Structures are given as structure tokens and as C-alpha cells.
Amino acid sequence: MIKLTNGGERGSSERLTICLLRCGMVGSIMFVIVFLVDGATRIGYDPIYHPVSALSLGDRGWIQVVNFIIAGLLMIAFAVGLRRALFPGHGAKWGPLLFGLFGLSLLFSGVFVMDPMKGYPPGAPSGVYSDGTSWHHTVHDAFGIVVFTSLPIACFVIARRFTKSARRSWSIYSTLTGFVMIVLFFIFGTLWESDSPFSGLIQRIMLIVGFLWTTLVAIYLIKRLKKESERDGRQI
């Protein structure tokens, strides 16, 4: 934590850090709930087959666009909180940077929407691609790759931090989350290119695994901050 000489200032700093860490919880839970509920109630949309990004299309597409943007902003705020909570020590630089990149990529995944394909919205061409892709679809795909690689790498970085601080169970959990996300990402890519009916399901599992880990890490760091404050006799 940032060391401040004044107890009141330190308490205020810790309250801000907790608020920023909660952004990671809120962003994770919100993003998952929105794409699950919206995907389950869209006419012509199959959550098992279609990707989450396809929810940005159609008459209700603005819901997922806003979901991407708000979640991205909240993850960037979480990255700042993570920096404050981890500093100084292992992972205090690269962990927050990776989460900042993750949040920024989520945000731009909402700004640049994918093309209609795979029969969604209703009337769109079937299959993966129709007559080539638009520039904004290409940009969307590029940011999507960053989304699905930056988070698992962040898992490995934070796992090392937990290892150094003798938090064995958290280290194992973080490492497993990173590996599972990477494996699911490659499976999703293969199923997507082969137009598998289960590509959307694999993507959803991957997202839920990653956002669950983010939520639990945020909760852990908040509890640790509160415990340290109580030990030092401070109110936050």
C-alpha cells in the first residue's frame, strides 16, 4: 500500500482503493448477467451457438454495446485499484497494466461491433463470413484477441504474487484459471472457424471463468485491506 504519514489521509486512500477494487466486482458481475439474460431473451439468438459479441447487433444491440463500454471502464478503474492494493511488490506493475489493457479492449469491443453473420440478426448470412468483413469487424476481432489473452496472462502474474506471499491455494486457483482460459480460447477459435453449434457455449464458459476469478480476487483484496486497517486501529 502507499504509505502516508497522516492516519486520516491513509484511511481516505484505502477507502478509494476499496472503491476502485469494487469496480472489478461490479463490472464482472454486470457483464455476465447482462449477456446471459439478454442472450436468453433475444428472438433468433442462440446462446449456445452465437458469440456474446453478436448481442451488439440488431434492435437491442445497444444493450451489449453499453455493457461492453461500462464493463471496460470499470475494469480500467479496477486496474488502478489493483495497482494501489499490490504496490509495492511482485505483480504491482504488470498485473494492473494487463487489467488496464483488458478493460480498454472490452471498451473498444463495444465501440467497434462485429458484422452480422451466422444467421444473426435474423436474415443475416449463415456461416462464419459472407462477402468478406468490414474494417470495424476486423478491429473488433483484434480487440477480442486482446481481451481473451490479457486476462489469463494477468492470472499468471497475480498467481506469482500469491506464490511470493505464501498464498498457495490462491496461487493454484489463479494459475488454473489462466490455463483453463487459454485452452478454452483455442477450443473456441477452432469451433468458431468450423461453424460448430457449441462455439457460443465455450466462449461463455471462458468468460464466466475469467470474470469469476476477477470478482473473487477483488473480494480477497478488499478483505485484506479491511483486516490490515482493523489491525492498525483505522476506520475505512
C-alpha atoms as a PDB file:
ATOM      1  CA  MET A   1       0.000   0.000   0.000  1.00  0.00           C
ATOM      2  CA  ILE A   2       1.005   3.629  -0.476  1.00  0.00           C
ATOM      3  CA  LYS A   3       2.475   4.822   2.801  1.00  0.00           C
ATOM      4  CA  LEU A   4       1.025   8.071   4.129  1.00  0.00           C
ATOM      5  CA  THR A   5       2.131   9.744   7.324  1.00  0.00           C
ATOM      6  CA  ASN A   6      -1.321  11.008   8.299  1.00  0.00           C
ATOM      7  CA  GLY A   7      -3.706   8.314   9.531  1.00  0.00           C
ATOM      8  CA  GLY A   8      -6.757  10.135   8.191  1.00  0.00           C
ATOM      9  CA  GLU A   9      -5.209  10.532   4.770  1.00  0.00           C
ATOM     10  CA  ARG A  10      -4.231   6.891   4.741  1.00  0.00           C
ATOM     11  CA  GLY A  11      -7.754   5.896   5.660  1.00  0.00           C
ATOM     12  CA  SER A  12      -9.122   8.007   2.808  1.00  0.00           C
ATOM     13  CA  SER A  13      -6.607   6.437   0.431  1.00  0.00           C
ATOM     14  CA  GLU A  14      -7.668   2.951   1.483  1.00  0.00           C
ATOM     15  CA  ARG A  15     -11.358   3.810   1.034  1.00  0.00           C
ATOM     16  CA  LEU A  16     -10.587   4.954  -2.500  1.00  0.00           C
ATOM     17  CA  THR A  17      -8.653   1.760  -3.184  1.00  0.00           C
ATOM     18  CA  ILE A  18     -11.572  -0.360  -1.950  1.00  0.00           C
ATOM     19  CA  CYS A  19     -13.984   1.615  -4.120  1.00  0.00           C
ATOM     20  CA  LEU A  20     -11.788   1.010  -7.171  1.00  0.00           C
ATOM     21  CA  LEU A  21     -11.478  -2.687  -6.374  1.00  0.00           C
ATOM     22  CA  ARG A  22     -15.257  -2.940  -6.107  1.00  0.00           C
ATOM     23  CA  CYS A  23     -15.435  -1.682  -9.674  1.00  0.00           C
ATOM     24  CA  GLY A  24     -13.889  -5.000 -10.693  1.00  0.00           C
ATOM     25  CA  MET A  25     -16.609  -6.902  -8.849  1.00  0.00           C
ATOM     26  CA  VAL A  26     -19.430  -4.788 -10.263  1.00  0.00           C
ATOM     27  CA  GLY A  27     -18.056  -4.863 -13.803  1.00  0.00           C
ATOM     28  CA  SER A  28     -17.584  -8.633 -13.777  1.00  0.00           C
ATOM     29  CA  ILE A  29     -20.996  -9.481 -12.353  1.00  0.00           C
ATOM     30  CA  MET A  30     -22.803  -6.914 -14.505  1.00  0.00           C
ATOM     31  CA  PHE A  31     -21.171  -8.066 -17.738  1.00  0.00           C
ATOM     32  CA  VAL A  32     -22.007 -11.732 -17.178  1.00  0.00           C
ATOM     33  CA  ILE A  33     -25.600 -11.116 -16.032  1.00  0.00           C
ATOM     34  CA  VAL A  34     -26.334  -8.819 -18.978  1.00  0.00           C
ATOM     35  CA  PHE A  35     -25.057 -11.177 -21.671  1.00  0.00           C
ATOM     36  CA  LEU A  36     -26.761 -14.188 -20.049  1.00  0.00           C
ATOM     37  CA  VAL A  37     -30.164 -12.511 -19.631  1.00  0.00           C
ATOM     38  CA  ASP A  38     -30.062 -10.601 -22.924  1.00  0.00           C
ATOM     39  CA  GLY A  39     -28.902 -13.678 -24.826  1.00  0.00           C
ATOM     40  CA  ALA A  40     -31.634 -15.848 -23.322  1.00  0.00           C
ATOM     41  CA  THR A  41     -34.393 -13.400 -24.304  1.00  0.00           C
ATOM     42  CA  ARG A  42     -33.379 -12.419 -27.848  1.00  0.00           C
ATOM     43  CA  ILE A  43     -35.529 -13.645 -30.712  1.00  0.00           C
ATOM     44  CA  GLY A  44     -33.397 -15.560 -33.191  1.00  0.00           C
ATOM     45  CA  TYR A  45     -30.351 -15.599 -30.924  1.00  0.00           C
ATOM     46  CA  ASP A  46     -28.889 -18.922 -29.760  1.00  0.00           C
ATOM     47  CA  PRO A  47     -26.588 -18.537 -26.709  1.00  0.00           C
ATOM     48  CA  ILE A  48     -25.080 -21.971 -27.373  1.00  0.00           C
ATOM     49  CA  TYR A  49     -24.161 -21.089 -30.957  1.00  0.00           C
ATOM     50  CA  HIS A  50     -23.781 -17.323 -31.248  1.00  0.00           C
ATOM     51  CA  PRO A  51     -20.939 -15.353 -29.620  1.00  0.00           C
ATOM     52  CA  VAL A  52     -21.533 -12.715 -26.966  1.00  0.00           C
ATOM     53  CA  SER A  53     -20.424 -10.006 -29.393  1.00  0.00           C
ATOM     54  CA  ALA A  54     -23.372 -10.792 -31.668  1.00  0.00           C
ATOM     55  CA  LEU A  55     -25.606  -9.268 -28.994  1.00  0.00           C
ATOM     56  CA  SER A  56     -24.274  -5.882 -30.155  1.00  0.00           C
ATOM     57  CA  LEU A  57     -26.295  -6.353 -33.363  1.00  0.00           C
ATOM     58  CA  GLY A  58     -30.000  -5.880 -34.012  1.00  0.00           C
ATOM     59  CA  ASP A  59     -32.618  -3.599 -32.456  1.00  0.00           C
ATOM     60  CA  ARG A  60     -31.416  -4.340 -28.923  1.00  0.00           C
ATOM     61  CA  GLY A  61     -27.751  -4.229 -29.851  1.00  0.00           C
ATOM     62  CA  TRP A  62     -27.205  -1.044 -27.859  1.00  0.00           C
ATOM     63  CA  ILE A  63     -27.610  -3.050 -24.628  1.00  0.00           C
ATOM     64  CA  GLN A  64     -24.500  -5.145 -25.244  1.00  0.00           C
ATOM     65  CA  VAL A  65     -22.607  -2.157 -26.653  1.00  0.00           C
ATOM     66  CA  VAL A  66     -23.238  -0.278 -23.403  1.00  0.00           C
ATOM     67  CA  ASN A  67     -22.389  -3.437 -21.456  1.00  0.00           C
ATOM     68  CA  PHE A  68     -19.003  -3.632 -23.167  1.00  0.00           C
ATOM     69  CA  ILE A  69     -18.230   0.049 -22.613  1.00  0.00           C
ATOM     70  CA  ILE A  70     -19.277   0.232 -18.952  1.00  0.00           C
ATOM     71  CA  ALA A  71     -17.530  -3.053 -18.103  1.00  0.00           C
ATOM     72  CA  GLY A  72     -14.401  -1.776 -19.834  1.00  0.00           C
ATOM     73  CA  LEU A  73     -14.417   1.465 -17.843  1.00  0.00           C
ATOM     74  CA  LEU A  74     -14.986  -0.423 -14.594  1.00  0.00           C
ATOM     75  CA  MET A  75     -12.102  -2.771 -15.351  1.00  0.00           C
ATOM     76  CA  ILE A  76      -9.809   0.179 -16.007  1.00  0.00           C
ATOM     77  CA  ALA A  77     -10.830   1.590 -12.621  1.00  0.00           C
ATOM     78  CA  PHE A  78     -10.175  -1.842 -11.088  1.00  0.00           C
ATOM     79  CA  ALA A  79      -6.705  -1.817 -12.643  1.00  0.00           C
ATOM     80  CA  VAL A  80      -5.962   1.425 -10.778  1.00  0.00           C
ATOM     81  CA  GLY A  81      -7.250  -0.105  -7.542  1.00  0.00           C
ATOM     82  CA  LEU A  82      -5.171  -3.220  -8.152  1.00  0.00           C
ATOM     83  CA  ARG A  83      -2.051  -1.094  -8.544  1.00  0.00           C
ATOM     84  CA  ARG A  84      -2.778   0.658  -5.258  1.00  0.00           C
ATOM     85  CA  ALA A  85      -3.531  -2.610  -3.449  1.00  0.00           C
ATOM     86  CA  LEU A  86      -0.493  -4.535  -4.721  1.00  0.00           C
ATOM     87  CA  PHE A  87       2.139  -1.778  -4.505  1.00  0.00           C
ATOM     88  CA  PRO A  88       4.902  -2.417  -3.653  1.00  0.00           C
ATOM     89  CA  GLY A  89       5.735  -5.986  -4.554  1.00  0.00           C
ATOM     90  CA  HIS A  90       5.526  -8.617  -7.275  1.00  0.00           C
ATOM     91  CA  GLY A  91       2.806  -8.047  -9.850  1.00  0.00           C
ATOM     92  CA  ALA A  92       2.231  -4.430  -8.834  1.00  0.00           C
ATOM     93  CA  LYS A  93       3.206  -3.239 -12.316  1.00  0.00           C
ATOM     94  CA  TRP A  94       2.220  -5.887 -14.836  1.00  0.00           C
ATOM     95  CA  GLY A  95      -0.965  -7.085 -13.147  1.00  0.00           C
ATOM     96  CA  PRO A  96      -2.625  -3.639 -13.262  1.00  0.00           C
ATOM     97  CA  LEU A  97      -1.255  -2.950 -16.764  1.00  0.00           C
ATOM     98  CA  LEU A  98      -2.775  -6.169 -18.081  1.00  0.00           C
ATOM     99  CA  PHE A  99      -6.117  -5.394 -16.459  1.00  0.00           C
ATOM    100  CA  GLY A 100      -5.996  -1.893 -17.912  1.00  0.00           C
ATOM    101  CA  LEU A 101      -5.401  -3.412 -21.345  1.00  0.00           C
ATOM    102  CA  PHE A 102      -8.220  -5.874 -20.711  1.00  0.00           C
ATOM    103  CA  GLY A 103     -10.613  -3.062 -19.801  1.00  0.00           C
ATOM    104  CA  LEU A 104      -9.587  -0.917 -22.752  1.00  0.00           C
ATOM    105  CA  SER A 105     -10.101  -3.847 -25.125  1.00  0.00           C
ATOM    106  CA  LEU A 106     -13.556  -4.543 -23.682  1.00  0.00           C
ATOM    107  CA  LEU A 107     -14.471  -0.908 -24.201  1.00  0.00           C
ATOM    108  CA  PHE A 108     -13.375  -0.869 -27.844  1.00  0.00           C
ATOM    109  CA  SER A 109     -15.034  -4.241 -28.454  1.00  0.00           C
ATOM    110  CA  GLY A 110     -18.259  -2.354 -27.817  1.00  0.00           C
ATOM    111  CA  VAL A 111     -17.333   0.663 -29.938  1.00  0.00           C
ATOM    112  CA  PHE A 112     -16.388  -1.475 -32.951  1.00  0.00           C
ATOM    113  CA  VAL A 113     -19.128  -4.067 -33.467  1.00  0.00           C
ATOM    114  CA  MET A 114     -18.826  -7.320 -35.376  1.00  0.00           C
ATOM    115  CA  ASP A 115     -20.548  -7.957 -38.717  1.00  0.00           C
ATOM    116  CA  PRO A 116     -23.895  -9.782 -38.998  1.00  0.00           C
ATOM    117  CA  MET A 117     -23.172 -13.470 -39.639  1.00  0.00           C
ATOM    118  CA  LYS A 118     -24.115 -16.993 -38.627  1.00  0.00           C
ATOM    119  CA  GLY A 119     -27.770 -16.144 -39.169  1.00  0.00           C
ATOM    120  CA  TYR A 120     -27.872 -13.335 -36.625  1.00  0.00           C
ATOM    121  CA  PRO A 121     -29.580 -10.934 -36.612  1.00  0.00           C
ATOM    122  CA  PRO A 122     -32.392 -12.854 -38.358  1.00  0.00           C
ATOM    123  CA  GLY A 123     -31.827 -12.580 -42.098  1.00  0.00           C
ATOM    124  CA  ALA A 124     -28.019 -12.375 -41.838  1.00  0.00           C
ATOM    125  CA  PRO A 125     -25.961 -14.812 -43.952  1.00  0.00           C
ATOM    126  CA  SER A 126     -25.294 -18.206 -42.406  1.00  0.00           C
ATOM    127  CA  GLY A 127     -21.773 -19.417 -41.737  1.00  0.00           C
ATOM    128  CA  VAL A 128     -18.782 -17.559 -40.383  1.00  0.00           C
ATOM    129  CA  TYR A 129     -18.200 -14.988 -43.114  1.00  0.00           C
ATOM    130  CA  SER A 130     -20.261 -13.740 -46.021  1.00  0.00           C
ATOM    131  CA  ASP A 131     -18.587 -11.498 -48.631  1.00  0.00           C
ATOM    132  CA  GLY A 132     -15.555 -10.526 -46.593  1.00  0.00           C
ATOM    133  CA  THR A 133     -15.526  -8.490 -43.421  1.00  0.00           C
ATOM    134  CA  SER A 134     -15.777  -4.792 -42.673  1.00  0.00           C
ATOM    135  CA  TRP A 135     -12.967  -2.767 -41.133  1.00  0.00           C
ATOM    136  CA  HIS A 136     -14.830  -2.432 -37.856  1.00  0.00           C
ATOM    137  CA  HIS A 137     -15.278  -6.205 -37.659  1.00  0.00           C
ATOM    138  CA  THR A 138     -11.526  -6.607 -38.148  1.00  0.00           C
ATOM    139  CA  VAL A 139     -10.852  -4.086 -35.380  1.00  0.00           C
ATOM    140  CA  HIS A 140     -13.391  -5.846 -33.159  1.00  0.00           C
ATOM    141  CA  ASP A 141     -11.631  -9.181 -33.683  1.00  0.00           C
ATOM    142  CA  ALA A 142      -8.247  -7.637 -32.855  1.00  0.00           C
ATOM    143  CA  PHE A 143      -9.509  -6.245 -29.562  1.00  0.00           C
ATOM    144  CA  GLY A 144     -11.287  -9.532 -28.873  1.00  0.00           C
ATOM    145  CA  ILE A 145      -7.978 -11.384 -29.085  1.00  0.00           C
ATOM    146  CA  VAL A 146      -6.502  -8.952 -26.562  1.00  0.00           C
ATOM    147  CA  VAL A 147      -9.494  -9.476 -24.253  1.00  0.00           C
ATOM    148  CA  PHE A 148      -9.060 -13.241 -24.271  1.00  0.00           C
ATOM    149  CA  THR A 149      -5.275 -13.195 -23.828  1.00  0.00           C
ATOM    150  CA  SER A 150      -4.657 -10.301 -21.432  1.00  0.00           C
ATOM    151  CA  LEU A 151      -6.884 -11.727 -18.674  1.00  0.00           C
ATOM    152  CA  PRO A 152      -5.269 -15.194 -18.490  1.00  0.00           C
ATOM    153  CA  ILE A 153      -1.810 -13.611 -18.554  1.00  0.00           C
ATOM    154  CA  ALA A 154      -2.937 -11.389 -15.665  1.00  0.00           C
ATOM    155  CA  CYS A 155      -3.951 -14.596 -13.854  1.00  0.00           C
ATOM    156  CA  PHE A 156      -0.380 -15.897 -14.136  1.00  0.00           C
ATOM    157  CA  VAL A 157       1.087 -12.592 -12.949  1.00  0.00           C
ATOM    158  CA  ILE A 158      -1.193 -12.469  -9.899  1.00  0.00           C
ATOM    159  CA  ALA A 159      -0.530 -16.171  -9.254  1.00  0.00           C
ATOM    160  CA  ARG A 160       3.162 -15.359  -8.888  1.00  0.00           C
ATOM    161  CA  ARG A 161       2.279 -12.611  -6.425  1.00  0.00           C
ATOM    162  CA  PHE A 162       0.257 -15.111  -4.371  1.00  0.00           C
ATOM    163  CA  THR A 163       3.171 -17.562  -4.503  1.00  0.00           C
ATOM    164  CA  LYS A 164       5.570 -14.937  -3.155  1.00  0.00           C
ATOM    165  CA  SER A 165       3.156 -14.105  -0.328  1.00  0.00           C
ATOM    166  CA  ALA A 166       2.669 -17.789   0.563  1.00  0.00           C
ATOM    167  CA  ARG A 167      -0.988 -17.907  -0.554  1.00  0.00           C
ATOM    168  CA  ARG A 168      -0.711 -21.374  -2.075  1.00  0.00           C
ATOM    169  CA  SER A 169      -4.410 -22.007  -2.692  1.00  0.00           C
ATOM    170  CA  TRP A 170      -4.846 -18.632  -4.405  1.00  0.00           C
ATOM    171  CA  SER A 171      -1.725 -19.234  -6.477  1.00  0.00           C
ATOM    172  CA  ILE A 172      -3.031 -22.604  -7.688  1.00  0.00           C
ATOM    173  CA  TYR A 173      -6.503 -21.199  -8.391  1.00  0.00           C
ATOM    174  CA  SER A 174      -5.089 -18.253 -10.356  1.00  0.00           C
ATOM    175  CA  THR A 175      -2.768 -20.487 -12.378  1.00  0.00           C
ATOM    176  CA  LEU A 176      -5.542 -22.965 -13.188  1.00  0.00           C
ATOM    177  CA  THR A 177      -7.843 -20.118 -14.245  1.00  0.00           C
ATOM    178  CA  GLY A 178      -5.217 -18.820 -16.657  1.00  0.00           C
ATOM    179  CA  PHE A 179      -4.622 -22.266 -18.182  1.00  0.00           C
ATOM    180  CA  VAL A 180      -8.340 -23.042 -18.473  1.00  0.00           C
ATOM    181  CA  MET A 181      -8.995 -19.726 -20.217  1.00  0.00           C
ATOM    182  CA  ILE A 182      -6.187 -20.283 -22.719  1.00  0.00           C
ATOM    183  CA  VAL A 183      -7.348 -23.837 -23.507  1.00  0.00           C
ATOM    184  CA  LEU A 184     -10.950 -22.669 -23.910  1.00  0.00           C
ATOM    185  CA  PHE A 185      -9.813 -19.802 -26.124  1.00  0.00           C
ATOM    186  CA  PHE A 186      -8.133 -22.224 -28.551  1.00  0.00           C
ATOM    187  CA  ILE A 187     -11.153 -24.537 -28.458  1.00  0.00           C
ATOM    188  CA  PHE A 188     -13.447 -21.599 -29.146  1.00  0.00           C
ATOM    189  CA  GLY A 189     -11.313 -20.481 -32.095  1.00  0.00           C
ATOM    190  CA  THR A 190     -11.413 -23.969 -33.597  1.00  0.00           C
ATOM    191  CA  LEU A 191     -15.171 -24.331 -33.109  1.00  0.00           C
ATOM    192  CA  TRP A 192     -15.796 -20.819 -34.464  1.00  0.00           C
ATOM    193  CA  GLU A 193     -13.896 -21.488 -37.695  1.00  0.00           C
ATOM    194  CA  SER A 194     -15.627 -24.842 -38.166  1.00  0.00           C
ATOM    195  CA  ASP A 195     -19.023 -23.228 -37.520  1.00  0.00           C
ATOM    196  CA  SER A 196     -19.687 -25.557 -34.589  1.00  0.00           C
ATOM    197  CA  PRO A 197     -23.079 -25.240 -32.859  1.00  0.00           C
ATOM    198  CA  PHE A 198     -21.268 -25.110 -29.486  1.00  0.00           C
ATOM    199  CA  SER A 199     -18.872 -22.193 -30.070  1.00  0.00           C
ATOM    200  CA  GLY A 200     -21.050 -19.736 -28.151  1.00  0.00           C
ATOM    201  CA  LEU A 201     -21.238 -22.051 -25.141  1.00  0.00           C
ATOM    202  CA  ILE A 202     -17.451 -22.423 -24.941  1.00  0.00           C
ATOM    203  CA  GLN A 203     -16.995 -18.659 -25.151  1.00  0.00           C
ATOM    204  CA  ARG A 204     -19.483 -18.121 -22.332  1.00  0.00           C
ATOM    205  CA  ILE A 205     -17.747 -20.642 -20.090  1.00  0.00           C
ATOM    206  CA  MET A 206     -14.433 -18.921 -20.770  1.00  0.00           C
ATOM    207  CA  LEU A 207     -15.840 -15.505 -19.876  1.00  0.00           C
ATOM    208  CA  ILE A 208     -17.542 -16.738 -16.718  1.00  0.00           C
ATOM    209  CA  VAL A 209     -14.335 -18.462 -15.548  1.00  0.00           C
ATOM    210  CA  GLY A 210     -12.326 -15.266 -16.048  1.00  0.00           C
ATOM    211  CA  PHE A 211     -14.831 -12.855 -14.542  1.00  0.00           C
ATOM    212  CA  LEU A 212     -15.442 -15.147 -11.553  1.00  0.00           C
ATOM    213  CA  TRP A 213     -11.717 -15.132 -10.799  1.00  0.00           C
ATOM    214  CA  THR A 214     -11.620 -11.334 -11.116  1.00  0.00           C
ATOM    215  CA  THR A 215     -14.536 -10.976  -8.701  1.00  0.00           C
ATOM    216  CA  LEU A 216     -13.009 -13.304  -6.114  1.00  0.00           C
ATOM    217  CA  VAL A 217      -9.598 -11.616  -6.293  1.00  0.00           C
ATOM    218  CA  ALA A 218     -11.264  -8.231  -5.766  1.00  0.00           C
ATOM    219  CA  ILE A 219     -13.136  -9.586  -2.735  1.00  0.00           C
ATOM    220  CA  TYR A 220      -9.930 -11.080  -1.321  1.00  0.00           C
ATOM    221  CA  LEU A 221      -8.000  -7.806  -1.681  1.00  0.00           C
ATOM    222  CA  ILE A 222     -10.824  -5.790  -0.114  1.00  0.00           C
ATOM    223  CA  LYS A 223     -10.984  -8.142   2.876  1.00  0.00           C
ATOM    224  CA  ARG A 224      -7.204  -7.955   3.247  1.00  0.00           C
ATOM    225  CA  LEU A 225      -7.266  -4.159   3.233  1.00  0.00           C
ATOM    226  CA  LYS A 226     -10.017  -4.059   5.840  1.00  0.00           C
ATOM    227  CA  LYS A 227      -8.196  -6.556   8.040  1.00  0.00           C
ATOM    228  CA  GLU A 228      -4.976  -4.542   7.863  1.00  0.00           C
ATOM    229  CA  SER A 229      -6.868  -1.369   8.763  1.00  0.00           C
ATOM    230  CA  GLU A 230      -8.554  -3.016  11.755  1.00  0.00           C
ATOM    231  CA  ARG A 231      -5.219  -4.353  12.929  1.00  0.00           C
ATOM    232  CA  ASP A 232      -3.730  -0.843  12.784  1.00  0.00           C
ATOM    233  CA  GLY A 233      -6.788   0.667  14.502  1.00  0.00           C
ATOM    234  CA  ARG A 234      -8.038   2.638  11.479  1.00  0.00           C
ATOM    235  CA  GLN A 235     -11.606   3.004  10.254  1.00  0.00           C
ATOM    236  CA  ILE A 236     -12.228   2.787   6.495  1.00  0.00           C
END
